[in-house]
Amino acid sequence: MAFGGGLDDQEDVVSEINVTPLVDVMLVLLVIFILTVPVLTQSVGVDLPRADKVNTVVNPVAVTVSVNADGTVLWDGVPVDDAKLARVLQNAAQTDPQPEIRLYGDRKAAYEHVIRVMAAAQKAGIEKLGFVTQPRQ
């Protein structure tokens, strides 16, 4: 295998970089870029439909339902019993749009009291029921 230019001695190896393959690769890449850049910059005009801006956001009323530690239920701060709670929940479920029910449960309240309010809301047909908690400090 000969690397040099006309060397007669076999022990002297010339370690020069042959740039011919590098130039060939660079020319091929240049041709590829020249051919693909015009294709990438062309765009097709599309006539898209236009829609009028309509305000569709409806802010429902939020109702707070609190369950105290002793099990009493408060509807927006007013104490209610189980029968009245069922009535006001059914009235709220029939309004359009339905109010968002925010359920506050006391940390020391029995889980049974909170579940009772949740079951009454489900039975009345309330769609939005959220639990409100406070972060640990």
C-alpha atoms as a PDB file:
ATOM      1  CA  MET A   1       0.000   0.000   0.000  1.00  0.00           C
ATOM      2  CA  ALA A   2       1.584   3.255  -1.084  1.00  0.00           C
ATOM      3  CA  PHE A   3       0.810   6.550   0.598  1.00  0.00           C
ATOM      4  CA  GLY A   4       3.432   8.861  -0.717  1.00  0.00           C
ATOM      5  CA  GLY A   5       4.381  10.431  -3.935  1.00  0.00           C
ATOM      6  CA  GLY A   6       7.174   8.416  -5.561  1.00  0.00           C
ATOM      7  CA  LEU A   7       9.029   7.271  -2.489  1.00  0.00           C
ATOM      8  CA  ASP A   8      11.296   4.351  -3.174  1.00  0.00           C
ATOM      9  CA  ASP A   9      11.962   3.424   0.415  1.00  0.00           C
ATOM     10  CA  GLN A  10       9.208   1.270   1.952  1.00  0.00           C
ATOM     11  CA  GLU A  11       9.973   2.322   5.526  1.00  0.00           C
ATOM     12  CA  ASP A  12       9.205   6.018   4.989  1.00  0.00           C
ATOM     13  CA  VAL A  13       5.450   6.412   5.223  1.00  0.00           C
ATOM     14  CA  VAL A  14       3.957   9.802   4.451  1.00  0.00           C
ATOM     15  CA  SER A  15       0.979  10.504   6.670  1.00  0.00           C
ATOM     16  CA  GLU A  16      -0.823  13.229   4.755  1.00  0.00           C
ATOM     17  CA  ILE A  17      -4.599  13.664   4.883  1.00  0.00           C
ATOM     18  CA  ASN A  18      -6.308  12.893   1.635  1.00  0.00           C
ATOM     19  CA  VAL A  19      -8.934  15.655   1.259  1.00  0.00           C
ATOM     20  CA  THR A  20     -10.488  14.341  -1.958  1.00  0.00           C
ATOM     21  CA  PRO A  21     -13.197  12.269  -0.189  1.00  0.00           C
ATOM     22  CA  LEU A  22     -13.934  15.215   2.112  1.00  0.00           C
ATOM     23  CA  VAL A  23     -14.415  17.529  -0.858  1.00  0.00           C
ATOM     24  CA  ASP A  24     -16.675  14.969  -2.556  1.00  0.00           C
ATOM     25  CA  VAL A  25     -18.904  14.699   0.523  1.00  0.00           C
ATOM     26  CA  MET A  26     -19.088  18.469   0.898  1.00  0.00           C
ATOM     27  CA  LEU A  27     -20.082  18.909  -2.735  1.00  0.00           C
ATOM     28  CA  VAL A  28     -22.830  16.305  -2.410  1.00  0.00           C
ATOM     29  CA  LEU A  29     -24.172  18.046   0.704  1.00  0.00           C
ATOM     30  CA  LEU A  30     -24.063  21.398  -1.081  1.00  0.00           C
ATOM     31  CA  VAL A  31     -26.087  20.011  -3.986  1.00  0.00           C
ATOM     32  CA  ILE A  32     -28.637  18.499  -1.580  1.00  0.00           C
ATOM     33  CA  PHE A  33     -29.082  21.820   0.234  1.00  0.00           C
ATOM     34  CA  ILE A  34     -29.367  23.738  -3.035  1.00  0.00           C
ATOM     35  CA  LEU A  35     -32.146  21.414  -4.163  1.00  0.00           C
ATOM     36  CA  THR A  36     -34.110  21.267  -0.879  1.00  0.00           C
ATOM     37  CA  VAL A  37     -34.058  24.908   0.292  1.00  0.00           C
ATOM     38  CA  PRO A  38     -36.444  26.196  -2.413  1.00  0.00           C
ATOM     39  CA  VAL A  39     -38.887  23.409  -1.606  1.00  0.00           C
ATOM     40  CA  LEU A  40     -38.886  24.332   2.098  1.00  0.00           C
ATOM     41  CA  THR A  41     -39.439  28.049   1.539  1.00  0.00           C
ATOM     42  CA  GLN A  42     -42.411  27.709  -0.806  1.00  0.00           C
ATOM     43  CA  SER A  43     -45.819  27.920   0.802  1.00  0.00           C
ATOM     44  CA  VAL A  44     -49.295  27.117  -0.374  1.00  0.00           C
ATOM     45  CA  GLY A  45     -51.966  29.759   0.071  1.00  0.00           C
ATOM     46  CA  VAL A  46     -54.980  28.373   1.896  1.00  0.00           C
ATOM     47  CA  ASP A  47     -58.181  30.330   2.316  1.00  0.00           C
ATOM     48  CA  LEU A  48     -59.152  29.469   5.893  1.00  0.00           C
ATOM     49  CA  PRO A  49     -62.661  30.065   7.247  1.00  0.00           C
ATOM     50  CA  ARG A  50     -63.135  32.947   9.655  1.00  0.00           C
ATOM     51  CA  ALA A  51     -65.229  32.885  12.790  1.00  0.00           C
ATOM     52  CA  ASP A  52     -66.732  35.787  14.638  1.00  0.00           C
ATOM     53  CA  LYS A  53     -65.522  36.280  18.170  1.00  0.00           C
ATOM     54  CA  VAL A  54     -68.297  35.241  20.502  1.00  0.00           C
ATOM     55  CA  ASN A  55     -68.040  35.485  24.256  1.00  0.00           C
ATOM     56  CA  THR A  56     -68.955  31.963  25.363  1.00  0.00           C
ATOM     57  CA  VAL A  57     -67.544  32.133  28.870  1.00  0.00           C
ATOM     58  CA  VAL A  58     -70.296  31.931  31.443  1.00  0.00           C
ATOM     59  CA  ASN A  59     -69.252  32.493  35.009  1.00  0.00           C
ATOM     60  CA  PRO A  60     -71.547  30.431  37.204  1.00  0.00           C
ATOM     61  CA  VAL A  61     -72.372  31.470  40.706  1.00  0.00           C
ATOM     62  CA  ALA A  62     -70.371  29.719  43.407  1.00  0.00           C
ATOM     63  CA  VAL A  63     -72.181  28.463  46.486  1.00  0.00           C
ATOM     64  CA  THR A  64     -70.264  27.517  49.619  1.00  0.00           C
ATOM     65  CA  VAL A  65     -71.407  24.577  51.685  1.00  0.00           C
ATOM     66  CA  SER A  66     -69.555  24.172  54.975  1.00  0.00           C
ATOM     67  CA  VAL A  67     -69.570  21.194  57.322  1.00  0.00           C
ATOM     68  CA  ASN A  68     -68.557  22.125  60.865  1.00  0.00           C
ATOM     69  CA  ALA A  69     -66.811  19.859  63.331  1.00  0.00           C
ATOM     70  CA  ASP A  70     -70.091  19.075  65.103  1.00  0.00           C
ATOM     71  CA  GLY A  71     -71.783  18.077  61.818  1.00  0.00           C
ATOM     72  CA  THR A  72     -73.886  21.174  61.169  1.00  0.00           C
ATOM     73  CA  VAL A  73     -74.185  22.152  57.519  1.00  0.00           C
ATOM     74  CA  LEU A  74     -74.065  25.786  56.414  1.00  0.00           C
ATOM     75  CA  TRP A  75     -75.419  26.933  53.006  1.00  0.00           C
ATOM     76  CA  ASP A  76     -73.659  30.233  52.265  1.00  0.00           C
ATOM     77  CA  GLY A  77     -73.268  30.783  55.998  1.00  0.00           C
ATOM     78  CA  VAL A  78     -76.885  29.910  56.913  1.00  0.00           C
ATOM     79  CA  PRO A  79     -77.408  26.714  58.929  1.00  0.00           C
ATOM     80  CA  VAL A  80     -79.644  24.150  57.171  1.00  0.00           C
ATOM     81  CA  ASP A  81     -80.930  20.731  58.152  1.00  0.00           C
ATOM     82  CA  ASP A  82     -80.941  17.670  55.867  1.00  0.00           C
ATOM     83  CA  ALA A  83     -84.421  18.317  54.407  1.00  0.00           C
ATOM     84  CA  LYS A  84     -83.682  21.961  53.622  1.00  0.00           C
ATOM     85  CA  LEU A  85     -80.278  21.022  52.200  1.00  0.00           C
ATOM     86  CA  ALA A  86     -81.972  18.610  49.786  1.00  0.00           C
ATOM     87  CA  ARG A  87     -84.449  21.316  48.702  1.00  0.00           C
ATOM     88  CA  VAL A  88     -81.835  24.006  48.086  1.00  0.00           C
ATOM     89  CA  LEU A  89     -79.625  21.534  46.228  1.00  0.00           C
ATOM     90  CA  GLN A  90     -82.530  20.550  43.958  1.00  0.00           C
ATOM     91  CA  ASN A  91     -83.312  24.217  43.319  1.00  0.00           C
ATOM     92  CA  ALA A  92     -79.648  24.826  42.487  1.00  0.00           C
ATOM     93  CA  ALA A  93     -79.583  21.833  40.148  1.00  0.00           C
ATOM     94  CA  GLN A  94     -82.561  23.177  38.190  1.00  0.00           C
ATOM     95  CA  THR A  95     -81.040  26.606  37.550  1.00  0.00           C
ATOM     96  CA  ASP A  96     -79.236  27.248  34.288  1.00  0.00           C
ATOM     97  CA  PRO A  97     -76.252  27.331  34.515  1.00  0.00           C
ATOM     98  CA  GLN A  98     -75.829  25.282  37.623  1.00  0.00           C
ATOM     99  CA  PRO A  99     -73.875  26.945  40.404  1.00  0.00           C
ATOM    100  CA  GLU A 100     -70.536  25.522  41.417  1.00  0.00           C
ATOM    101  CA  ILE A 101     -70.814  23.957  44.865  1.00  0.00           C
ATOM    102  CA  ARG A 102     -67.690  24.491  46.963  1.00  0.00           C
ATOM    103  CA  LEU A 103     -67.577  22.090  49.885  1.00  0.00           C
ATOM    104  CA  TYR A 104     -65.614  23.143  52.951  1.00  0.00           C
ATOM    105  CA  GLY A 105     -65.124  20.351  55.466  1.00  0.00           C
ATOM    106  CA  ASP A 106     -63.793  21.030  58.933  1.00  0.00           C
ATOM    107  CA  ARG A 107     -60.642  19.078  59.727  1.00  0.00           C
ATOM    108  CA  LYS A 108     -62.256  17.653  62.855  1.00  0.00           C
ATOM    109  CA  ALA A 109     -65.591  16.871  61.194  1.00  0.00           C
ATOM    110  CA  ALA A 110     -66.516  13.234  60.863  1.00  0.00           C
ATOM    111  CA  TYR A 111     -66.155  11.902  57.340  1.00  0.00           C
ATOM    112  CA  GLU A 112     -69.746  10.682  57.552  1.00  0.00           C
ATOM    113  CA  HIS A 113     -71.094  14.260  57.624  1.00  0.00           C
ATOM    114  CA  VAL A 114     -69.142  15.287  54.535  1.00  0.00           C
ATOM    115  CA  ILE A 115     -70.239  12.148  52.662  1.00  0.00           C
ATOM    116  CA  ARG A 116     -73.855  12.910  53.581  1.00  0.00           C
ATOM    117  CA  VAL A 117     -73.597  16.316  51.877  1.00  0.00           C
ATOM    118  CA  MET A 118     -71.880  14.771  48.840  1.00  0.00           C
ATOM    119  CA  ALA A 119     -74.617  12.141  48.510  1.00  0.00           C
ATOM    120  CA  ALA A 120     -77.331  14.803  48.742  1.00  0.00           C
ATOM    121  CA  ALA A 121     -75.621  16.815  45.985  1.00  0.00           C
ATOM    122  CA  GLN A 122     -75.356  13.750  43.758  1.00  0.00           C
ATOM    123  CA  LYS A 123     -78.989  12.816  44.370  1.00  0.00           C
ATOM    124  CA  ALA A 124     -80.091  16.363  43.493  1.00  0.00           C
ATOM    125  CA  GLY A 125     -78.178  16.240  40.202  1.00  0.00           C
ATOM    126  CA  ILE A 126     -75.395  18.723  40.925  1.00  0.00           C
ATOM    127  CA  GLU A 127     -72.698  18.449  38.251  1.00  0.00           C
ATOM    128  CA  LYS A 128     -69.933  20.599  39.767  1.00  0.00           C
ATOM    129  CA  LEU A 129     -68.852  19.820  43.300  1.00  0.00           C
ATOM    130  CA  GLY A 130     -65.425  20.934  44.461  1.00  0.00           C
ATOM    131  CA  PHE A 131     -63.531  20.386  47.691  1.00  0.00           C
ATOM    132  CA  VAL A 132     -61.786  23.413  49.170  1.00  0.00           C
ATOM    133  CA  THR A 133     -58.758  22.775  51.348  1.00  0.00           C
ATOM    134  CA  GLN A 134     -56.116  24.910  52.942  1.00  0.00           C
ATOM    135  CA  PRO A 135     -52.427  24.162  52.461  1.00  0.00           C
ATOM    136  CA  ARG A 136     -50.333  22.979  55.371  1.00  0.00           C
ATOM    137  CA  GLN A 137     -48.335  25.695  57.015  1.00  0.00           C
END
